[in-house]
Full PDB file with SEQRES, HELIX, SHEET, SSBOND, CRYST1, ORIGX, SCALE, CONECT and MASTER records, all heavy atoms in Angstrom:
SEQRES   1 A   37  THR ILE HIS GLN LEU GLU GLU ASP TYR VAL HIS ILE GLN          
SEQRES   2 A   37  TYR ALA TYR GLY ALA SER LYS THR THR ILE LEU PHE ARG          
SEQRES   3 A   37  HIS VAL LEU ARG ASN VAL LEU LEU PRO ILE ILE                  
HELIX    1 AA1 ILE A    2  LEU A    5  1                                   4    
HELIX    2 AA2 ASP A    8  ALA A   15  1                                   8    
HELIX    3 AA3 LYS A   20  THR A   22  1                                   3    
HELIX    4 AA4 ILE A   23  VAL A   28  3                                   6    
HELIX    5 AA5 LEU A   29  ILE A   36  1                                   8    
CRYST1    1.000    1.000    1.000  90.00  90.00  90.00 P 1           1          
ORIGX1      1.000000  0.000000  0.000000        0.00000                         
ORIGX2      0.000000  1.000000  0.000000        0.00000                         
ORIGX3      0.000000  0.000000  1.000000        0.00000                         
SCALE1      1.000000  0.000000  0.000000        0.00000                         
SCALE2      0.000000  1.000000  0.000000        0.00000                         
SCALE3      0.000000  0.000000  1.000000        0.00000                         
ATOM      1  N   THR A   1       3.663  -6.424   6.683  1.00  0.00           N  
ATOM      2  CA  THR A   1       2.242  -6.293   6.233  1.00  0.00           C  
ATOM      3  C   THR A   1       1.270  -6.920   7.185  1.00  0.00           C  
ATOM      4  O   THR A   1       0.221  -6.431   7.481  1.00  0.00           O  
ATOM      5  CB  THR A   1       2.059  -7.144   4.921  1.00  0.00           C  
ATOM      6  OG1 THR A   1       3.018  -6.481   4.012  1.00  0.00           O  
ATOM      7  CG2 THR A   1       0.711  -6.972   4.364  1.00  0.00           C  
ATOM      8  N   ILE A   2       1.688  -8.071   7.818  1.00  0.00           N  
ATOM      9  CA  ILE A   2       0.830  -8.677   8.884  1.00  0.00           C  
ATOM     10  C   ILE A   2       0.555  -7.765  10.130  1.00  0.00           C  
ATOM     11  O   ILE A   2      -0.456  -7.566  10.609  1.00  0.00           O  
ATOM     12  CB  ILE A   2       1.478 -10.125   9.340  1.00  0.00           C  
ATOM     13  CG1 ILE A   2       1.310 -11.133   8.276  1.00  0.00           C  
ATOM     14  CG2 ILE A   2       0.821 -10.574  10.626  1.00  0.00           C  
ATOM     15  CD1 ILE A   2       2.140 -12.339   8.700  1.00  0.00           C  
ATOM     16  N   HIS A   3       1.712  -7.031  10.413  1.00  0.00           N  
ATOM     17  CA  HIS A   3       1.715  -5.984  11.504  1.00  0.00           C  
ATOM     18  C   HIS A   3       0.687  -4.897  11.073  1.00  0.00           C  
ATOM     19  O   HIS A   3      -0.207  -4.469  11.929  1.00  0.00           O  
ATOM     20  CB  HIS A   3       3.032  -5.507  11.929  1.00  0.00           C  
ATOM     21  CG  HIS A   3       2.951  -4.464  12.863  1.00  0.00           C  
ATOM     22  ND1 HIS A   3       2.742  -4.605  14.204  1.00  0.00           N  
ATOM     23  CD2 HIS A   3       3.227  -3.012  12.800  1.00  0.00           C  
ATOM     24  CE1 HIS A   3       2.772  -3.561  14.831  1.00  0.00           C  
ATOM     25  NE2 HIS A   3       3.033  -2.479  13.937  1.00  0.00           N  
ATOM     26  N   GLN A   4       0.828  -4.478   9.817  1.00  0.00           N  
ATOM     27  CA  GLN A   4      -0.020  -3.278   9.370  1.00  0.00           C  
ATOM     28  C   GLN A   4      -1.505  -3.712   9.330  1.00  0.00           C  
ATOM     29  O   GLN A   4      -2.402  -2.832   9.626  1.00  0.00           O  
ATOM     30  CB  GLN A   4       0.546  -2.759   8.114  1.00  0.00           C  
ATOM     31  CG  GLN A   4       1.947  -2.102   8.089  1.00  0.00           C  
ATOM     32  CD  GLN A   4       1.918  -0.955   9.001  1.00  0.00           C  
ATOM     33  OE1 GLN A   4       0.863  -0.137   9.103  1.00  0.00           O  
ATOM     34  NE2 GLN A   4       2.812  -0.718   9.676  1.00  0.00           N  
ATOM     35  N   LEU A   5      -1.817  -4.931   8.979  1.00  0.00           N  
ATOM     36  CA  LEU A   5      -3.193  -5.403   8.764  1.00  0.00           C  
ATOM     37  C   LEU A   5      -3.881  -5.379  10.128  1.00  0.00           C  
ATOM     38  O   LEU A   5      -5.146  -5.494  10.169  1.00  0.00           O  
ATOM     39  CB  LEU A   5      -3.276  -6.624   8.175  1.00  0.00           C  
ATOM     40  CG  LEU A   5      -2.825  -6.804   6.664  1.00  0.00           C  
ATOM     41  CD1 LEU A   5      -2.772  -8.205   6.179  1.00  0.00           C  
ATOM     42  CD2 LEU A   5      -3.718  -5.936   5.884  1.00  0.00           C  
ATOM     43  N   GLU A   6      -3.173  -5.380  11.153  1.00  0.00           N  
ATOM     44  CA  GLU A   6      -3.702  -5.439  12.550  1.00  0.00           C  
ATOM     45  C   GLU A   6      -3.895  -3.985  13.044  1.00  0.00           C  
ATOM     46  O   GLU A   6      -4.529  -3.909  14.151  1.00  0.00           O  
ATOM     47  CB  GLU A   6      -2.890  -6.275  13.502  1.00  0.00           C  
ATOM     48  CG  GLU A   6      -2.868  -7.650  13.093  1.00  0.00           C  
ATOM     49  CD  GLU A   6      -1.798  -8.482  13.959  1.00  0.00           C  
ATOM     50  OE1 GLU A   6      -1.116  -7.775  14.715  1.00  0.00           O  
ATOM     51  OE2 GLU A   6      -1.680  -9.604  13.908  1.00  0.00           O  
ATOM     52  N   GLU A   7      -3.534  -2.951  12.387  1.00  0.00           N  
ATOM     53  CA  GLU A   7      -3.604  -1.602  12.934  1.00  0.00           C  
ATOM     54  C   GLU A   7      -5.176  -1.197  12.666  1.00  0.00           C  
ATOM     55  O   GLU A   7      -5.870  -1.634  11.860  1.00  0.00           O  
ATOM     56  CB  GLU A   7      -2.720  -0.691  12.098  1.00  0.00           C  
ATOM     57  CG  GLU A   7      -1.251  -0.899  12.232  1.00  0.00           C  
ATOM     58  CD  GLU A   7      -0.821  -0.659  13.721  1.00  0.00           C  
ATOM     59  OE1 GLU A   7      -1.337   0.341  14.253  1.00  0.00           O  
ATOM     60  OE2 GLU A   7       0.063  -1.309  14.152  1.00  0.00           O  
ATOM     61  N   ASP A   8      -5.403  -0.009  13.410  1.00  0.00           N  
ATOM     62  CA  ASP A   8      -6.890   0.467  13.385  1.00  0.00           C  
ATOM     63  C   ASP A   8      -7.150   1.102  12.190  1.00  0.00           C  
ATOM     64  O   ASP A   8      -8.480   1.036  11.688  1.00  0.00           O  
ATOM     65  CB  ASP A   8      -7.014   1.469  14.637  1.00  0.00           C  
ATOM     66  CG  ASP A   8      -6.821   0.928  16.016  1.00  0.00           C  
ATOM     67  OD1 ASP A   8      -7.067  -0.399  16.071  1.00  0.00           O  
ATOM     68  OD2 ASP A   8      -6.522   1.585  16.922  1.00  0.00           O  
ATOM     69  N   TYR A   9      -6.273   1.636  11.434  1.00  0.00           N  
ATOM     70  CA  TYR A   9      -6.565   2.455  10.233  1.00  0.00           C  
ATOM     71  C   TYR A   9      -7.125   1.362   9.184  1.00  0.00           C  
ATOM     72  O   TYR A   9      -8.009   1.686   8.329  1.00  0.00           O  
ATOM     73  CB  TYR A   9      -5.498   3.289   9.693  1.00  0.00           C  
ATOM     74  CG  TYR A   9      -4.398   2.526   8.996  1.00  0.00           C  
ATOM     75  CD1 TYR A   9      -4.428   2.133   7.715  1.00  0.00           C  
ATOM     76  CD2 TYR A   9      -3.293   1.979   9.656  1.00  0.00           C  
ATOM     77  CE1 TYR A   9      -3.284   1.493   7.072  1.00  0.00           C  
ATOM     78  CE2 TYR A   9      -2.227   1.284   9.136  1.00  0.00           C  
ATOM     79  CZ  TYR A   9      -2.293   1.043   7.861  1.00  0.00           C  
ATOM     80  OH  TYR A   9      -1.337   0.347   7.347  1.00  0.00           O  
ATOM     81  N   VAL A  10      -6.666   0.190   9.150  1.00  0.00           N  
ATOM     82  CA  VAL A  10      -7.165  -0.881   8.259  1.00  0.00           C  
ATOM     83  C   VAL A  10      -8.606  -1.265   8.651  1.00  0.00           C  
ATOM     84  O   VAL A  10      -9.441  -1.366   7.695  1.00  0.00           O  
ATOM     85  CB  VAL A  10      -6.200  -2.097   8.343  1.00  0.00           C  
ATOM     86  CG1 VAL A  10      -6.828  -3.256   7.419  1.00  0.00           C  
ATOM     87  CG2 VAL A  10      -4.795  -1.792   7.898  1.00  0.00           C  
ATOM     88  N   HIS A  11      -8.890  -1.373   9.760  1.00  0.00           N  
ATOM     89  CA  HIS A  11     -10.326  -1.731  10.281  1.00  0.00           C  
ATOM     90  C   HIS A  11     -11.304  -0.565   9.879  1.00  0.00           C  
ATOM     91  O   HIS A  11     -12.280  -0.781   9.567  1.00  0.00           O  
ATOM     92  CB  HIS A  11     -10.334  -2.027  11.782  1.00  0.00           C  
ATOM     93  CG  HIS A  11      -9.511  -3.245  12.144  1.00  0.00           C  
ATOM     94  ND1 HIS A  11      -9.867  -4.496  11.716  1.00  0.00           N  
ATOM     95  CD2 HIS A  11      -8.370  -3.290  12.866  1.00  0.00           C  
ATOM     96  CE1 HIS A  11      -8.911  -5.312  12.211  1.00  0.00           C  
ATOM     97  NE2 HIS A  11      -8.050  -4.683  12.962  1.00  0.00           N  
ATOM     98  N   ILE A  12     -10.790   0.627   9.950  1.00  0.00           N  
ATOM     99  CA  ILE A  12     -11.619   1.812   9.661  1.00  0.00           C  
ATOM    100  C   ILE A  12     -11.940   1.818   8.141  1.00  0.00           C  
ATOM    101  O   ILE A  12     -13.081   2.073   7.675  1.00  0.00           O  
ATOM    102  CB  ILE A  12     -10.916   3.169  10.028  1.00  0.00           C  
ATOM    103  CG1 ILE A  12     -10.746   3.133  11.583  1.00  0.00           C  
ATOM    104  CG2 ILE A  12     -11.633   4.327   9.463  1.00  0.00           C  
ATOM    105  CD1 ILE A  12      -9.968   4.347  12.127  1.00  0.00           C  
ATOM    106  N   GLN A  13     -10.834   1.539   7.250  1.00  0.00           N  
ATOM    107  CA  GLN A  13     -11.067   1.369   5.832  1.00  0.00           C  
ATOM    108  C   GLN A  13     -12.062   0.303   5.596  1.00  0.00           C  
ATOM    109  O   GLN A  13     -12.967   0.493   4.621  1.00  0.00           O  
ATOM    110  CB  GLN A  13      -9.746   1.172   5.223  1.00  0.00           C  
ATOM    111  CG  GLN A  13      -8.715   2.340   5.304  1.00  0.00           C  
ATOM    112  CD  GLN A  13      -9.278   3.568   4.608  1.00  0.00           C  
ATOM    113  OE1 GLN A  13     -10.029   3.467   3.620  1.00  0.00           O  
ATOM    114  NE2 GLN A  13      -9.019   4.640   5.109  1.00  0.00           N  
ATOM    115  N   TYR A  14     -12.012  -0.761   6.256  1.00  0.00           N  
ATOM    116  CA  TYR A  14     -12.929  -1.863   5.952  1.00  0.00           C  
ATOM    117  C   TYR A  14     -14.406  -1.376   6.420  1.00  0.00           C  
ATOM    118  O   TYR A  14     -15.325  -1.757   5.704  1.00  0.00           O  
ATOM    119  CB  TYR A  14     -12.601  -3.111   6.874  1.00  0.00           C  
ATOM    120  CG  TYR A  14     -11.578  -4.003   6.193  1.00  0.00           C  
ATOM    121  CD1 TYR A  14     -10.511  -4.345   6.849  1.00  0.00           C  
ATOM    122  CD2 TYR A  14     -11.871  -4.549   5.009  1.00  0.00           C  
ATOM    123  CE1 TYR A  14      -9.459  -5.238   6.353  1.00  0.00           C  
ATOM    124  CE2 TYR A  14     -10.896  -5.389   4.282  1.00  0.00           C  
ATOM    125  CZ  TYR A  14      -9.717  -5.744   5.087  1.00  0.00           C  
ATOM    126  OH  TYR A  14      -8.818  -6.540   4.491  1.00  0.00           O  
ATOM    127  N   ALA A  15     -14.553  -0.555   7.479  1.00  0.00           N  
ATOM    128  CA  ALA A  15     -15.872  -0.134   7.888  1.00  0.00           C  
ATOM    129  C   ALA A  15     -16.349   0.821   6.771  1.00  0.00           C  
ATOM    130  O   ALA A  15     -17.598   0.962   6.692  1.00  0.00           O  
ATOM    131  CB  ALA A  15     -15.621   0.679   9.160  1.00  0.00           C  
ATOM    132  N   TYR A  16     -15.450   1.578   6.102  1.00  0.00           N  
ATOM    133  CA  TYR A  16     -15.987   2.468   5.068  1.00  0.00           C  
ATOM    134  C   TYR A  16     -16.295   1.767   3.769  1.00  0.00           C  
ATOM    135  O   TYR A  16     -16.753   2.379   2.762  1.00  0.00           O  
ATOM    136  CB  TYR A  16     -14.950   3.543   4.877  1.00  0.00           C  
ATOM    137  CG  TYR A  16     -15.036   4.735   5.877  1.00  0.00           C  
ATOM    138  CD1 TYR A  16     -14.071   4.881   6.800  1.00  0.00           C  
ATOM    139  CD2 TYR A  16     -16.026   5.631   5.789  1.00  0.00           C  
ATOM    140  CE1 TYR A  16     -14.086   5.871   7.673  1.00  0.00           C  
ATOM    141  CE2 TYR A  16     -16.147   6.685   6.595  1.00  0.00           C  
ATOM    142  CZ  TYR A  16     -15.145   6.877   7.692  1.00  0.00           C  
ATOM    143  OH  TYR A  16     -15.182   7.834   8.546  1.00  0.00           O  
ATOM    144  N   GLY A  17     -16.059   0.453   3.799  1.00  0.00           N  
ATOM    145  CA  GLY A  17     -16.313  -0.298   2.566  1.00  0.00           C  
ATOM    146  C   GLY A  17     -15.226  -0.488   1.555  1.00  0.00           C  
ATOM    147  O   GLY A  17     -15.544  -0.844   0.426  1.00  0.00           O  
ATOM    148  N   ALA A  18     -14.056  -0.070   1.953  1.00  0.00           N  
ATOM    149  CA  ALA A  18     -13.049  -0.165   0.887  1.00  0.00           C  
ATOM    150  C   ALA A  18     -12.632  -1.731   0.700  1.00  0.00           C  
ATOM    151  O   ALA A  18     -12.862  -2.547   1.520  1.00  0.00           O  
ATOM    152  CB  ALA A  18     -11.788   0.511   1.602  1.00  0.00           C  
ATOM    153  N   SER A  19     -12.223  -1.833  -0.625  1.00  0.00           N  
ATOM    154  CA  SER A  19     -11.849  -3.333  -0.913  1.00  0.00           C  
ATOM    155  C   SER A  19     -10.436  -3.698  -0.380  1.00  0.00           C  
ATOM    156  O   SER A  19      -9.684  -2.852  -0.007  1.00  0.00           O  
ATOM    157  CB  SER A  19     -11.890  -3.515  -2.380  1.00  0.00           C  
ATOM    158  OG  SER A  19     -10.878  -2.622  -3.009  1.00  0.00           O  
ATOM    159  N   LYS A  20     -10.296  -4.976  -0.266  1.00  0.00           N  
ATOM    160  CA  LYS A  20      -8.948  -5.507   0.232  1.00  0.00           C  
ATOM    161  C   LYS A  20      -7.827  -4.948  -0.719  1.00  0.00           C  
ATOM    162  O   LYS A  20      -6.818  -4.594  -0.184  1.00  0.00           O  
ATOM    163  CB  LYS A  20      -8.924  -7.064   0.235  1.00  0.00           C  
ATOM    164  CG  LYS A  20      -9.831  -7.627   1.377  1.00  0.00           C  
ATOM    165  CD  LYS A  20      -9.709  -9.050   1.466  1.00  0.00           C  
ATOM    166  CE  LYS A  20     -10.459  -9.722   2.447  1.00  0.00           C  
ATOM    167  NZ  LYS A  20     -10.382 -11.277   2.508  1.00  0.00           N  
ATOM    168  N   THR A  21      -8.045  -4.922  -1.949  1.00  0.00           N  
ATOM    169  CA  THR A  21      -6.990  -4.586  -3.028  1.00  0.00           C  
ATOM    170  C   THR A  21      -6.661  -3.157  -2.696  1.00  0.00           C  
ATOM    171  O   THR A  21      -5.551  -2.650  -2.645  1.00  0.00           O  
ATOM    172  CB  THR A  21      -7.408  -4.685  -4.348  1.00  0.00           C  
ATOM    173  OG1 THR A  21      -7.684  -6.167  -4.619  1.00  0.00           O  
ATOM    174  CG2 THR A  21      -6.360  -4.405  -5.393  1.00  0.00           C  
ATOM    175  N   THR A  22      -7.700  -2.231  -2.548  1.00  0.00           N  
ATOM    176  CA  THR A  22      -7.439  -0.745  -2.268  1.00  0.00           C  
ATOM    177  C   THR A  22      -6.746  -0.517  -1.030  1.00  0.00           C  
ATOM    178  O   THR A  22      -5.766   0.284  -0.910  1.00  0.00           O  
ATOM    179  CB  THR A  22      -8.854  -0.036  -2.270  1.00  0.00           C  
ATOM    180  OG1 THR A  22      -9.501  -0.309  -3.522  1.00  0.00           O  
ATOM    181  CG2 THR A  22      -8.592   1.356  -1.952  1.00  0.00           C  
ATOM    182  N   ILE A  23      -7.115  -1.345   0.103  1.00  0.00           N  
ATOM    183  CA  ILE A  23      -6.548  -1.189   1.337  1.00  0.00           C  
ATOM    184  C   ILE A  23      -5.037  -1.488   1.268  1.00  0.00           C  
ATOM    185  O   ILE A  23      -4.161  -0.902   1.771  1.00  0.00           O  
ATOM    186  CB  ILE A  23      -7.258  -1.986   2.520  1.00  0.00           C  
ATOM    187  CG1 ILE A  23      -8.588  -1.283   2.647  1.00  0.00           C  
ATOM    188  CG2 ILE A  23      -6.455  -1.865   3.760  1.00  0.00           C  
ATOM    189  CD1 ILE A  23      -9.393  -2.133   3.594  1.00  0.00           C  
ATOM    190  N   LEU A  24      -4.802  -2.756   0.616  1.00  0.00           N  
ATOM    191  CA  LEU A  24      -3.395  -3.283   0.622  1.00  0.00           C  
ATOM    192  C   LEU A  24      -2.510  -2.302  -0.265  1.00  0.00           C  
ATOM    193  O   LEU A  24      -1.343  -2.106   0.264  1.00  0.00           O  
ATOM    194  CB  LEU A  24      -3.582  -4.653  -0.154  1.00  0.00           C  
ATOM    195  CG  LEU A  24      -2.392  -5.665   0.148  1.00  0.00           C  
ATOM    196  CD1 LEU A  24      -2.276  -6.020   1.612  1.00  0.00           C  
ATOM    197  CD2 LEU A  24      -2.641  -6.950  -0.679  1.00  0.00           C  
ATOM    198  N   PHE A  25      -2.911  -1.970  -1.394  1.00  0.00           N  
ATOM    199  CA  PHE A  25      -1.995  -1.169  -2.181  1.00  0.00           C  
ATOM    200  C   PHE A  25      -2.003   0.282  -2.033  1.00  0.00           C  
ATOM    201  O   PHE A  25      -0.931   0.970  -2.372  1.00  0.00           O  
ATOM    202  CB  PHE A  25      -2.176  -1.459  -3.673  1.00  0.00           C  
ATOM    203  CG  PHE A  25      -1.956  -2.834  -4.117  1.00  0.00           C  
ATOM    204  CD1 PHE A  25      -2.747  -3.946  -4.107  1.00  0.00           C  
ATOM    205  CD2 PHE A  25      -0.511  -3.178  -4.466  1.00  0.00           C  
ATOM    206  CE1 PHE A  25      -2.401  -5.186  -4.519  1.00  0.00           C  
ATOM    207  CE2 PHE A  25      -0.132  -4.350  -4.848  1.00  0.00           C  
ATOM    208  CZ  PHE A  25      -1.066  -5.431  -4.830  1.00  0.00           C  
ATOM    209  N   ARG A  26      -3.043   0.922  -1.497  1.00  0.00           N  
ATOM    210  CA  ARG A  26      -3.169   2.307  -1.280  1.00  0.00           C  
ATOM    211  C   ARG A  26      -2.694   2.754   0.150  1.00  0.00           C  
ATOM    212  O   ARG A  26      -2.121   3.902   0.243  1.00  0.00           O  
ATOM    213  CB  ARG A  26      -4.551   2.762  -1.494  1.00  0.00           C  
ATOM    214  CG  ARG A  26      -4.640   4.386  -1.546  1.00  0.00           C  
ATOM    215  CD  ARG A  26      -5.920   4.837  -2.001  1.00  0.00           C  
ATOM    216  NE  ARG A  26      -6.212   4.549  -3.343  1.00  0.00           N  
ATOM    217  CZ  ARG A  26      -7.400   4.826  -4.001  1.00  0.00           C  
ATOM    218  NH1 ARG A  26      -8.322   5.491  -3.282  1.00  0.00           N  
ATOM    219  NH2 ARG A  26      -7.420   4.602  -5.255  1.00  0.00           N  
ATOM    220  N   HIS A  27      -2.948   1.899   1.021  1.00  0.00           N  
ATOM    221  CA  HIS A  27      -2.619   2.338   2.414  1.00  0.00           C  
ATOM    222  C   HIS A  27      -1.545   1.474   3.061  1.00  0.00           C  
ATOM    223  O   HIS A  27      -0.614   1.964   3.688  1.00  0.00           O  
ATOM    224  CB  HIS A  27      -3.883   2.171   3.300  1.00  0.00           C  
ATOM    225  CG  HIS A  27      -5.042   2.990   2.706  1.00  0.00           C  
ATOM    226  ND1 HIS A  27      -5.038   4.392   2.852  1.00  0.00           N  
ATOM    227  CD2 HIS A  27      -6.205   2.728   2.011  1.00  0.00           C  
ATOM    228  CE1 HIS A  27      -6.112   4.898   2.294  1.00  0.00           C  
ATOM    229  NE2 HIS A  27      -6.936   3.919   1.770  1.00  0.00           N  
ATOM    230  N   VAL A  28      -1.686   0.180   3.070  1.00  0.00           N  
ATOM    231  CA  VAL A  28      -0.841  -0.676   3.694  1.00  0.00           C  
ATOM    232  C   VAL A  28       0.596  -0.654   3.046  1.00  0.00           C  
ATOM    233  O   VAL A  28       1.670  -0.631   3.756  1.00  0.00           O  
ATOM    234  CB  VAL A  28      -1.279  -2.090   3.720  1.00  0.00           C  
ATOM    235  CG1 VAL A  28      -0.163  -3.197   4.340  1.00  0.00           C  
ATOM    236  CG2 VAL A  28      -2.566  -2.257   4.612  1.00  0.00           C  
ATOM    237  N   LEU A  29       0.700  -0.686   1.761  1.00  0.00           N  
ATOM    238  CA  LEU A  29       1.935  -0.708   1.025  1.00  0.00           C  
ATOM    239  C   LEU A  29       2.680   0.452   1.320  1.00  0.00           C  
ATOM    240  O   LEU A  29       3.956   0.469   1.410  1.00  0.00           O  
ATOM    241  CB  LEU A  29       1.685  -0.804  -0.468  1.00  0.00           C  
ATOM    242  CG  LEU A  29       2.942  -0.808  -1.363  1.00  0.00           C  
ATOM    243  CD1 LEU A  29       3.856  -1.979  -1.018  1.00  0.00           C  
ATOM    244  CD2 LEU A  29       2.480  -0.794  -2.848  1.00  0.00           C  
ATOM    245  N   ARG A  30       2.101   1.665   1.480  1.00  0.00           N  
ATOM    246  CA  ARG A  30       2.880   2.935   1.876  1.00  0.00           C  
ATOM    247  C   ARG A  30       3.548   2.820   3.170  1.00  0.00           C  
ATOM    248  O   ARG A  30       4.694   3.364   3.258  1.00  0.00           O  
ATOM    249  CB  ARG A  30       1.912   4.102   1.935  1.00  0.00           C  
ATOM    250  CG  ARG A  30       2.578   5.439   2.183  1.00  0.00           C  
ATOM    251  CD  ARG A  30       1.465   6.544   2.117  1.00  0.00           C  
ATOM    252  NE  ARG A  30       0.779   6.598   0.795  1.00  0.00           N  
ATOM    253  CZ  ARG A  30      -0.168   7.419   0.541  1.00  0.00           C  
ATOM    254  NH1 ARG A  30      -0.629   8.272   1.510  1.00  0.00           N  
ATOM    255  NH2 ARG A  30      -0.813   7.496  -0.698  1.00  0.00           N  
ATOM    256  N   ASN A  31       3.063   2.201   4.112  1.00  0.00           N  
ATOM    257  CA  ASN A  31       3.759   1.916   5.422  1.00  0.00           C  
ATOM    258  C   ASN A  31       4.642   0.818   5.427  1.00  0.00           C  
ATOM    259  O   ASN A  31       5.671   0.823   6.146  1.00  0.00           O  
ATOM    260  CB  ASN A  31       2.629   1.663   6.623  1.00  0.00           C  
ATOM    261  CG  ASN A  31       1.706   2.899   6.787  1.00  0.00           C  
ATOM    262  OD1 ASN A  31       2.287   3.823   6.953  1.00  0.00           O  
ATOM    263  ND2 ASN A  31       0.410   2.569   6.888  1.00  0.00           N  
ATOM    264  N   VAL A  32       4.534  -0.155   4.500  1.00  0.00           N  
ATOM    265  CA  VAL A  32       5.470  -1.279   4.301  1.00  0.00           C  
ATOM    266  C   VAL A  32       6.749  -0.781   3.576  1.00  0.00           C  
ATOM    267  O   VAL A  32       7.728  -1.486   3.656  1.00  0.00           O  
ATOM    268  CB  VAL A  32       4.848  -2.433   3.547  1.00  0.00           C  
ATOM    269  CG1 VAL A  32       5.757  -3.504   3.283  1.00  0.00           C  
ATOM    270  CG2 VAL A  32       3.544  -2.926   4.449  1.00  0.00           C  
ATOM    271  N   LEU A  33       6.642   0.306   2.847  1.00  0.00           N  
ATOM    272  CA  LEU A  33       7.826   0.768   2.204  1.00  0.00           C  
ATOM    273  C   LEU A  33       9.105   1.048   2.982  1.00  0.00           C  
ATOM    274  O   LEU A  33      10.113   0.894   2.464  1.00  0.00           O  
ATOM    275  CB  LEU A  33       7.403   1.926   1.235  1.00  0.00           C  
ATOM    276  CG  LEU A  33       6.654   1.787   0.040  1.00  0.00           C  
ATOM    277  CD1 LEU A  33       6.202   3.135  -0.581  1.00  0.00           C  
ATOM    278  CD2 LEU A  33       7.312   0.875  -0.932  1.00  0.00           C  
ATOM    279  N   LEU A  34       8.820   1.592   4.206  1.00  0.00           N  
ATOM    280  CA  LEU A  34       9.881   1.836   5.061  1.00  0.00           C  
ATOM    281  C   LEU A  34      10.814   0.665   5.257  1.00  0.00           C  
ATOM    282  O   LEU A  34      12.151   0.806   5.130  1.00  0.00           O  
ATOM    283  CB  LEU A  34       9.507   2.443   6.386  1.00  0.00           C  
ATOM    284  CG  LEU A  34       8.717   3.872   6.203  1.00  0.00           C  
ATOM    285  CD1 LEU A  34       8.386   4.342   7.622  1.00  0.00           C  
ATOM    286  CD2 LEU A  34       9.839   4.776   5.619  1.00  0.00           C  
ATOM    287  N   PRO A  35      10.430  -0.387   5.676  1.00  0.00           N  
ATOM    288  CA  PRO A  35      11.436  -1.546   5.849  1.00  0.00           C  
ATOM    289  C   PRO A  35      11.941  -2.141   4.499  1.00  0.00           C  
ATOM    290  O   PRO A  35      13.111  -2.583   4.440  1.00  0.00           O  
ATOM    291  CB  PRO A  35      10.566  -2.687   6.441  1.00  0.00           C  
ATOM    292  CG  PRO A  35       9.059  -2.357   6.259  1.00  0.00           C  
ATOM    293  CD  PRO A  35       9.080  -0.872   6.280  1.00  0.00           C  
ATOM    294  N   ILE A  36      11.113  -1.899   3.478  1.00  0.00           N  
ATOM    295  CA  ILE A  36      11.716  -2.164   2.088  1.00  0.00           C  
ATOM    296  C   ILE A  36      12.942  -1.308   1.793  1.00  0.00           C  
ATOM    297  O   ILE A  36      13.943  -1.787   1.351  1.00  0.00           O  
ATOM    298  CB  ILE A  36      10.593  -2.026   1.064  1.00  0.00           C  
ATOM    299  CG1 ILE A  36       9.528  -3.136   1.262  1.00  0.00           C  
ATOM    300  CG2 ILE A  36      11.128  -2.247  -0.387  1.00  0.00           C  
ATOM    301  CD1 ILE A  36       8.331  -2.957   0.328  1.00  0.00           C  
ATOM    302  N   ILE A  37      12.844  -0.121   2.047  1.00  0.00           N  
ATOM    303  CA  ILE A  37      13.830   0.935   1.872  1.00  0.00           C  
ATOM    304  C   ILE A  37      15.081   0.471   2.594  1.00  0.00           C  
ATOM    305  O   ILE A  37      16.237   0.587   2.195  1.00  0.00           O  
ATOM    306  CB  ILE A  37      13.404   2.332   2.057  1.00  0.00           C  
ATOM    307  CG1 ILE A  37      12.416   2.792   1.192  1.00  0.00           C  
ATOM    308  CG2 ILE A  37      14.635   3.261   2.129  1.00  0.00           C  
ATOM    309  CD1 ILE A  37      11.827   4.124   1.398  1.00  0.00           C  
TER     310      ILE A  37                                                      
MASTER        0    0    0    5    0    0    0    6  309    1    0    3          
END                                                                             
């Protein structure tokens, strides 16, 4: 998750006004699922 939070797509979502919860569970979690699997 720390690695994903440093990616560009997270900063873009912040720029569009997305909330932390939305970014975390809608975008970051999807990419974090791979190591979980």
